[in-house]
Structure formats: structure tokens, C-alpha cells
Amino acid sequence: MKLKNRLVYILAILITTPLVGTVAPAATIQVLRVFDYGGHPNVAATLPQKVSDQSDIVGTVINLDLTVQGFLYKIRDGRFSSKFSDPNDTGNFTQGRGINIHRHMVGEYLNGSDGTYHGYIVKHPSFFDIDVAGATDTIPLGINNDGSFVGTVKFSDGTQPAFVSLLQIVTTFAVPDAKATFACQLNASNEIIGYYIDANEINHGYTRDSAGNLTFPIDVPGSTGTMLLGNNDSNWGVGSYTDASGVTHGLYFITPDNILTFDYPGATSTSLTGINRLGIVCGYYYDAEGIAHGLVAKVSP
């Protein structure tokens, strides 16, 4: 597919300091390229989700007929895979959510007959189901280089905790009093980043260390919702937040005291969704026509 390249922007990210009064030096982010699967207007949305340590991106494409499929994009040579769907997808809905250095990918698909979501892992060319025992819905959201993965599950009683699978041992956990908890990525140290929905339907970020200790809430000051979506082996994180006007902005997370915000020039909405050990970031933005485009950037902390 022909890649749509645009000008390279060197952008200073503004820093916010929610818990301390000192101001740290500004980081920068270099937007390397933006892209559309197949070229606009052949798809309604191109939504990168995670980027591996060898700079492969997995993501989701929303087609013009509103069917949903996964894709793989190789940054180094600008090539896309064919769009893919889980073989058991009967609802025309497969999302690509996570990828590791071995190009093992995770995500979820829809069972059209009962409306439930089920996880998968791709070890090319084969798909393998992921279903947490006792859950009605399993949605994997991230995978590390050791093959451990995380996500969220829903049970028949309506509870929706996060889960982590380490060495094929699955553990569920939840932020206290949360209506739903999402584990979005884990790094080589099994440190997890994610978000949860509170009783008032507000999103907040959190982190979980390798011992299982949670740090929450993590919010951009003045935001009406914060989502932490990806981390790397240095435990740098990325995500998004929504301001009081309802506009979504990207964020770069170092610590709860050091959250930096980012907007793609001219965008109506920006989200940063994944980051690798080199500081390569993936994400997407919406233009004035309501079309979502993928982006690749480089963070210099």
C-alpha cells in the first residue's frame, strides 16, 4: 500500500505537574509520519494500538461498511499486512490490540450469535483462542516479549476486572470501587499500565508494579477523564485525556508527578496508544472531516 507521508514536526510537549510545584524541562516529540491503511478515503478509521520493540505496529481498521479488522504495519519499510479477522469472528469485528518482538499479536473478536467478545493470540499464521475461565467476555489488550499478556474480562455477575497472564497463570485484579478495570500493557518487568472507570463513569489512569501494588488515580489536572494505554521497559507511558470542552489530547506519562500533553497540529482529537523501548510512539488523530489517521512519533525525554 502507498504510504502517505507528511511534513515532520518537532513539537515541544507542555508539562503539567499535578502533585508537585516545580517544573521539569520540557520533552519533545518528533512526529515521523502519518498514515492510512490503503490510503484515505478507502477506510473510515486507521487506529494503531501498540508498537513492538522492533517497531511493528498492530492496530484496528474501521472499513467504510463499518466492519472492523486488524492490521500489521512495519514502520521500517512502510508495508502493511493484509487486514485480518479471527477465523471464529461471526460479528465482523476483530481488533488488533497488542504485539511483541516476535510479532505475536493479541486482540479480540465478536461472536455475532450471542454478542460476547473472545480473545486471541496470533502466532503467524495460526490463531489461538484466549478465554479466561468463568468469564463471558475476554479482551486482551497488550503482550510483552516474554509472551505474558493483559486485558479485561467480564463475568456474568456484571463485574469487570483486569487480568494478567504470567507464565500461563491468570490473575484478575481491580482498582477498589471501580466499575471496570482495564490492563492495557505490561513491560519486561511485568509493570502494568491501564485505566479504570469509577462509580461516576469517569476514567482514571493507574499503574501496577510487579508485586501487585496499585498507584491510582492518575489524572491530568482539570481533565474529565484520563486513560493510560501503553508503557515500555523504562516504564514511560502514553495515553489520552479529555478536557472540560470534550476534546481528547494525547499524553506522555513519566511519573504521576510528571504528565506531559500532546496534540497533533490541526487535529480535533489526539490519542497516543503505544510506546516501545526506543521511545517510538504510535497513536492516531481525527481530522476536521472526522477521519482517524495513524501516526508514528519519537519521544526525546
Protein backbone atom coordinates (compact mmCIF):
# COMPACT_ATOMS: atom_id res chain seq x y z
CA MET A 1 0.00 0.00 0.00
CA LYS A 2 1.20 3.53 -0.75
CA LEU A 3 2.19 5.39 2.39
CA LYS A 4 1.01 8.95 2.87
CA ASN A 5 3.95 10.95 4.20
CA ARG A 6 3.68 14.41 5.61
CA LEU A 7 5.99 17.06 6.99
CA VAL A 8 7.99 16.17 10.08
CA TYR A 9 7.08 18.24 13.07
CA ILE A 10 9.32 18.83 16.07
CA LEU A 11 6.90 19.64 18.83
CA ALA A 12 7.50 20.76 22.38
CA ILE A 13 5.20 18.95 24.79
CA LEU A 14 3.80 21.10 27.56
CA ILE A 15 4.35 19.70 31.03
CA THR A 16 1.78 19.57 33.79
CA THR A 17 2.72 18.90 37.40
CA PRO A 18 -0.36 17.68 39.28
CA LEU A 19 1.34 16.71 42.53
CA VAL A 20 4.41 18.96 42.77
CA GLY A 21 5.08 22.65 42.32
CA THR A 22 8.33 22.51 40.37
CA VAL A 23 8.54 22.46 36.58
CA ALA A 24 10.75 19.87 34.86
CA PRO A 25 12.43 20.53 31.49
CA ALA A 26 10.12 20.08 28.52
CA ALA A 27 10.41 16.90 26.48
CA THR A 28 9.96 16.85 22.73
CA ILE A 29 8.18 14.55 20.35
CA GLN A 30 9.06 14.24 16.68
CA VAL A 31 6.17 13.12 14.51
CA LEU A 32 7.84 10.89 11.93
CA ARG A 33 4.88 10.12 9.68
CA VAL A 34 1.15 9.77 9.47
CA PHE A 35 -0.61 7.05 7.51
CA ASP A 36 -3.89 5.50 6.45
CA TYR A 37 -4.45 1.83 5.74
CA GLY A 38 -4.95 1.66 1.98
CA GLY A 39 -5.00 5.42 1.68
CA HIS A 40 -7.82 7.81 2.56
CA PRO A 41 -10.75 7.56 1.79
CA ASN A 42 -10.66 3.76 1.47
CA VAL A 43 -11.18 3.28 5.21
CA ALA A 44 -13.18 5.24 7.78
CA ALA A 45 -10.51 4.99 10.50
CA THR A 46 -6.94 3.74 10.97
CA LEU A 47 -6.34 3.14 14.69
CA PRO A 48 -2.83 1.96 15.70
CA GLN A 49 -2.86 0.29 19.14
CA LYS A 50 0.65 -0.87 20.09
CA VAL A 51 4.20 -0.78 18.71
CA SER A 52 6.74 -3.57 19.27
CA ASP A 53 10.42 -3.21 20.14
CA GLN A 54 11.28 -3.88 16.51
CA SER A 55 8.88 -1.09 15.50
CA ASP A 56 5.98 -3.11 14.12
CA ILE A 57 2.54 -1.66 14.77
CA VAL A 58 -0.66 -3.61 15.36
CA GLY A 59 -3.95 -1.84 15.08
CA THR A 60 -7.56 -1.73 14.00
CA VAL A 61 -9.16 -0.58 10.75
CA ILE A 62 -12.79 0.51 10.54
CA ASN A 63 -13.90 -0.09 6.96
CA LEU A 64 -16.40 2.05 5.08
CA ASP A 65 -19.06 -0.63 5.62
CA LEU A 66 -18.31 -0.36 9.38
CA THR A 67 -16.79 -3.82 9.61
CA VAL A 68 -13.73 -3.91 11.87
CA GLN A 69 -10.45 -5.76 11.19
CA GLY A 70 -6.91 -5.88 12.49
CA PHE A 71 -3.73 -4.87 10.66
CA LEU A 72 0.05 -5.09 10.98
CA TYR A 73 2.24 -2.20 9.81
CA LYS A 74 6.04 -2.45 9.51
CA ILE A 75 7.44 1.02 10.16
CA ARG A 76 10.90 0.31 8.77
CA ASP A 77 9.74 -0.35 5.22
CA GLY A 78 6.28 1.23 5.34
CA ARG A 79 4.47 -2.01 4.46
CA PHE A 80 1.07 -3.21 5.65
CA SER A 81 -0.13 -6.76 6.06
CA SER A 82 -3.47 -7.73 4.63
CA LYS A 83 -6.29 -6.87 7.01
CA PHE A 84 -7.12 -9.84 9.20
CA SER A 85 -10.07 -11.28 11.11
CA ASP A 86 -10.13 -14.10 13.63
CA PRO A 87 -11.45 -17.29 11.95
CA ASN A 88 -14.16 -17.51 14.63
CA ASP A 89 -15.32 -13.91 14.12
CA THR A 90 -19.03 -14.07 13.24
CA GLY A 91 -19.75 -10.43 14.06
CA ASN A 92 -17.45 -8.74 11.52
CA PHE A 93 -15.44 -7.31 14.41
CA THR A 94 -11.78 -8.20 15.08
CA GLN A 95 -9.42 -5.76 16.78
CA GLY A 96 -5.61 -5.86 16.79
CA ARG A 97 -4.58 -4.77 20.28
CA GLY A 98 -1.05 -5.84 21.23
CA ILE A 99 2.21 -7.04 19.64
CA ASN A 100 5.62 -8.18 20.86
CA ILE A 101 9.08 -8.51 19.35
CA HIS A 102 8.21 -11.98 17.97
CA ARG A 103 5.22 -10.49 16.09
CA HIS A 104 2.84 -12.42 18.31
CA MET A 105 -0.36 -10.38 18.36
CA VAL A 106 -3.35 -10.32 20.69
CA GLY A 107 -6.81 -8.85 20.42
CA GLU A 108 -10.47 -9.77 20.49
CA TYR A 109 -13.27 -10.79 18.14
CA LEU A 110 -17.05 -10.74 18.35
CA ASN A 111 -19.31 -13.78 18.47
CA GLY A 112 -22.23 -12.43 16.47
CA SER A 113 -24.71 -15.00 17.78
CA ASP A 114 -24.54 -14.03 21.45
CA GLY A 115 -22.70 -10.68 21.43
CA THR A 116 -19.74 -11.88 23.51
CA TYR A 117 -16.10 -10.98 22.94
CA HIS A 118 -13.30 -13.53 22.97
CA GLY A 119 -9.56 -13.12 22.92
CA TYR A 120 -7.00 -14.49 20.52
CA ILE A 121 -3.26 -14.69 20.08
CA VAL A 122 -1.72 -14.90 16.61
CA LYS A 123 1.50 -16.84 16.13
CA HIS A 124 1.67 -16.49 12.38
CA PRO A 125 -0.16 -17.97 10.61
CA SER A 126 -2.25 -19.56 13.37
CA PHE A 127 -4.90 -18.05 15.67
CA PHE A 128 -5.35 -19.45 19.19
CA ASP A 129 -8.30 -18.59 21.44
CA ILE A 130 -7.84 -16.83 24.77
CA ASP A 131 -10.74 -17.16 27.21
CA VAL A 132 -10.32 -16.57 30.94
CA ALA A 133 -12.07 -19.33 32.90
CA GLY A 134 -15.57 -18.35 34.03
CA ALA A 135 -15.66 -15.12 32.04
CA THR A 136 -18.34 -14.29 29.49
CA ASP A 137 -16.04 -11.84 27.69
CA THR A 138 -12.24 -11.77 27.41
CA ILE A 139 -10.44 -8.83 25.78
CA PRO A 140 -6.61 -9.00 25.67
CA LEU A 141 -5.09 -5.52 25.29
CA GLY A 142 -1.31 -5.97 25.43
CA ILE A 143 1.50 -8.54 25.32
CA ASN A 144 5.18 -8.36 26.32
CA ASN A 145 8.22 -10.02 24.79
CA ASP A 146 8.00 -12.98 27.19
CA GLY A 147 4.51 -13.77 25.92
CA SER A 148 2.71 -12.60 29.06
CA PHE A 149 -0.44 -10.65 28.31
CA VAL A 150 -3.03 -8.43 29.96
CA GLY A 151 -6.55 -7.19 29.35
CA THR A 152 -10.02 -7.02 30.83
CA VAL A 153 -12.72 -9.63 31.44
CA LYS A 154 -16.42 -9.55 32.20
CA PHE A 155 -18.29 -12.06 34.35
CA SER A 156 -21.97 -12.98 34.38
CA ASP A 157 -22.50 -11.03 37.62
CA GLY A 158 -21.56 -7.84 35.75
CA THR A 159 -18.15 -7.35 37.34
CA GLN A 160 -15.31 -6.34 35.01
CA PRO A 161 -11.80 -6.66 36.47
CA ALA A 162 -8.49 -6.58 34.66
CA PHE A 163 -6.42 -9.71 34.17
CA VAL A 164 -2.78 -10.62 33.72
CA SER A 165 -1.45 -13.94 32.39
CA LEU A 166 2.11 -14.64 33.57
CA LEU A 167 3.64 -17.99 32.59
CA GLN A 168 0.08 -19.12 31.70
CA ILE A 169 -1.14 -18.36 35.24
CA VAL A 170 -4.06 -15.93 35.10
CA THR A 171 -4.73 -13.43 37.89
CA THR A 172 -7.59 -10.95 37.97
CA PHE A 173 -7.43 -7.65 39.84
CA ALA A 174 -9.42 -4.44 40.12
CA VAL A 175 -8.91 -0.91 41.34
CA PRO A 176 -11.00 -0.62 44.53
CA ASP A 177 -14.59 0.52 43.89
CA ALA A 178 -14.07 0.64 40.11
CA LYS A 179 -16.95 -0.33 37.82
CA ALA A 180 -14.43 -1.67 35.28
CA THR A 181 -10.64 -2.03 35.22
CA PHE A 182 -8.53 -2.30 32.04
CA ALA A 183 -4.92 -3.54 31.94
CA CYS A 184 -3.57 -2.11 28.70
CA GLN A 185 0.11 -3.14 28.58
CA LEU A 186 2.87 -4.76 30.63
CA ASN A 187 6.62 -4.41 30.19
CA ALA A 188 9.58 -6.77 30.71
CA SER A 189 9.40 -6.18 34.48
CA ASN A 190 5.68 -7.05 34.46
CA GLU A 191 4.77 -3.47 35.39
CA ILE A 192 1.24 -2.79 34.15
CA ILE A 193 -0.35 0.43 32.95
CA GLY A 194 -4.05 0.96 32.39
CA TYR A 195 -7.19 2.80 33.37
CA TYR A 196 -10.42 2.24 35.26
CA ILE A 197 -13.96 3.60 35.28
CA ASP A 198 -15.23 4.88 38.63
CA ALA A 199 -18.78 4.90 40.01
CA ASN A 200 -19.45 8.21 38.24
CA GLU A 201 -18.40 6.81 34.84
CA ILE A 202 -15.13 8.81 34.90
CA ASN A 203 -11.91 7.30 33.50
CA HIS A 204 -8.71 7.47 35.58
CA GLY A 205 -5.24 6.08 34.94
CA TYR A 206 -3.38 3.67 37.21
CA THR A 207 -0.18 1.64 37.37
CA ARG A 208 0.50 -1.76 38.95
CA ASP A 209 4.01 -2.82 39.95
CA SER A 210 5.40 -6.35 39.68
CA ALA A 211 4.40 -7.05 43.30
CA GLY A 212 0.78 -6.15 42.56
CA ASN A 213 0.74 -2.73 44.23
CA LEU A 214 -1.58 -0.21 42.57
CA THR A 215 -1.00 3.53 42.16
CA PHE A 216 -4.22 5.43 41.46
CA PRO A 217 -5.85 7.70 40.48
CA ILE A 218 -3.54 9.21 37.88
CA ASP A 219 -5.19 12.19 36.20
CA VAL A 220 -4.22 15.18 34.13
CA PRO A 221 -5.27 18.22 36.23
CA GLY A 222 -8.56 19.65 35.06
CA SER A 223 -9.37 16.65 32.87
CA THR A 224 -12.74 14.95 32.78
CA GLY A 225 -11.14 11.57 32.06
CA THR A 226 -7.62 10.10 31.76
CA MET A 227 -6.59 6.83 30.09
CA LEU A 228 -3.11 5.29 30.29
CA LEU A 229 -2.76 2.93 27.33
CA GLY A 230 0.84 1.75 26.88
CA ASN A 231 4.23 1.52 28.61
CA ASN A 232 7.77 0.41 27.75
CA ASP A 233 10.63 -1.23 29.63
CA SER A 234 11.65 2.15 31.11
CA ASN A 235 8.03 2.41 32.32
CA TRP A 236 7.42 5.51 30.22
CA GLY A 237 3.74 5.62 29.39
CA VAL A 238 1.37 7.11 26.83
CA GLY A 239 -2.35 7.66 26.72
CA SER A 240 -5.02 10.30 26.36
CA TYR A 241 -7.20 12.63 28.39
CA THR A 242 -10.36 14.64 27.77
CA ASP A 243 -10.65 18.29 28.75
CA ALA A 244 -13.68 20.20 30.03
CA SER A 245 -14.65 21.07 26.44
CA GLY A 246 -14.81 17.39 25.48
CA VAL A 247 -11.61 17.47 23.39
CA THR A 248 -9.24 14.49 23.61
CA HIS A 249 -5.48 15.09 23.81
CA GLY A 250 -2.51 12.73 23.81
CA LEU A 251 -0.30 12.38 26.86
CA TYR A 252 3.19 11.16 27.71
CA PHE A 253 3.50 9.76 31.24
CA ILE A 254 6.76 9.53 33.20
CA THR A 255 5.51 9.51 36.81
CA PRO A 256 2.24 10.58 38.43
CA ASP A 257 4.01 13.90 39.11
CA ASN A 258 5.14 14.34 35.52
CA ILE A 259 2.48 14.10 32.80
CA LEU A 260 3.03 15.86 29.51
CA THR A 261 0.36 16.63 26.93
CA PHE A 262 0.44 16.49 23.13
CA ASP A 263 -1.79 17.46 20.20
CA TYR A 264 -1.20 16.70 16.53
CA PRO A 265 -1.32 20.02 14.61
CA GLY A 266 -4.80 20.78 13.31
CA ALA A 267 -6.36 17.67 14.85
CA THR A 268 -9.73 17.70 16.56
CA SER A 269 -8.67 14.76 18.77
CA THR A 270 -5.35 13.01 19.50
CA SER A 271 -4.58 9.72 21.30
CA LEU A 272 -1.19 8.09 21.94
CA THR A 273 -1.63 4.35 22.38
CA GLY A 274 1.73 2.53 22.45
CA ILE A 275 5.45 3.11 23.09
CA ASN A 276 8.47 0.83 22.64
CA ARG A 277 11.88 0.70 24.33
CA LEU A 278 13.34 3.09 21.74
CA GLY A 279 10.73 5.73 22.50
CA ILE A 280 8.86 5.12 19.24
CA VAL A 281 5.21 6.02 19.82
CA CYS A 282 2.09 5.05 17.88
CA GLY A 283 -1.32 6.63 18.03
CA TYR A 284 -3.96 8.34 15.94
CA TYR A 285 -5.72 11.64 15.44
CA TYR A 286 -9.02 12.79 13.96
CA ASP A 287 -9.12 15.50 11.30
CA ALA A 288 -11.84 18.10 10.71
CA GLU A 289 -13.73 15.62 8.48
CA GLY A 290 -13.95 13.09 11.30
CA ILE A 291 -11.44 10.67 9.73
CA ALA A 292 -8.93 8.93 12.02
CA HIS A 293 -5.33 8.69 10.77
CA GLY A 294 -2.44 6.73 12.25
CA LEU A 295 0.72 8.44 13.47
CA VAL A 296 4.27 7.40 14.35
CA ALA A 297 6.42 9.60 16.59
CA LYS A 298 9.67 9.58 18.58
CA VAL A 299 9.87 10.77 22.18
CA SER A 300 13.00 12.52 23.48
CA PRO A 301 12.56 12.76 27.27
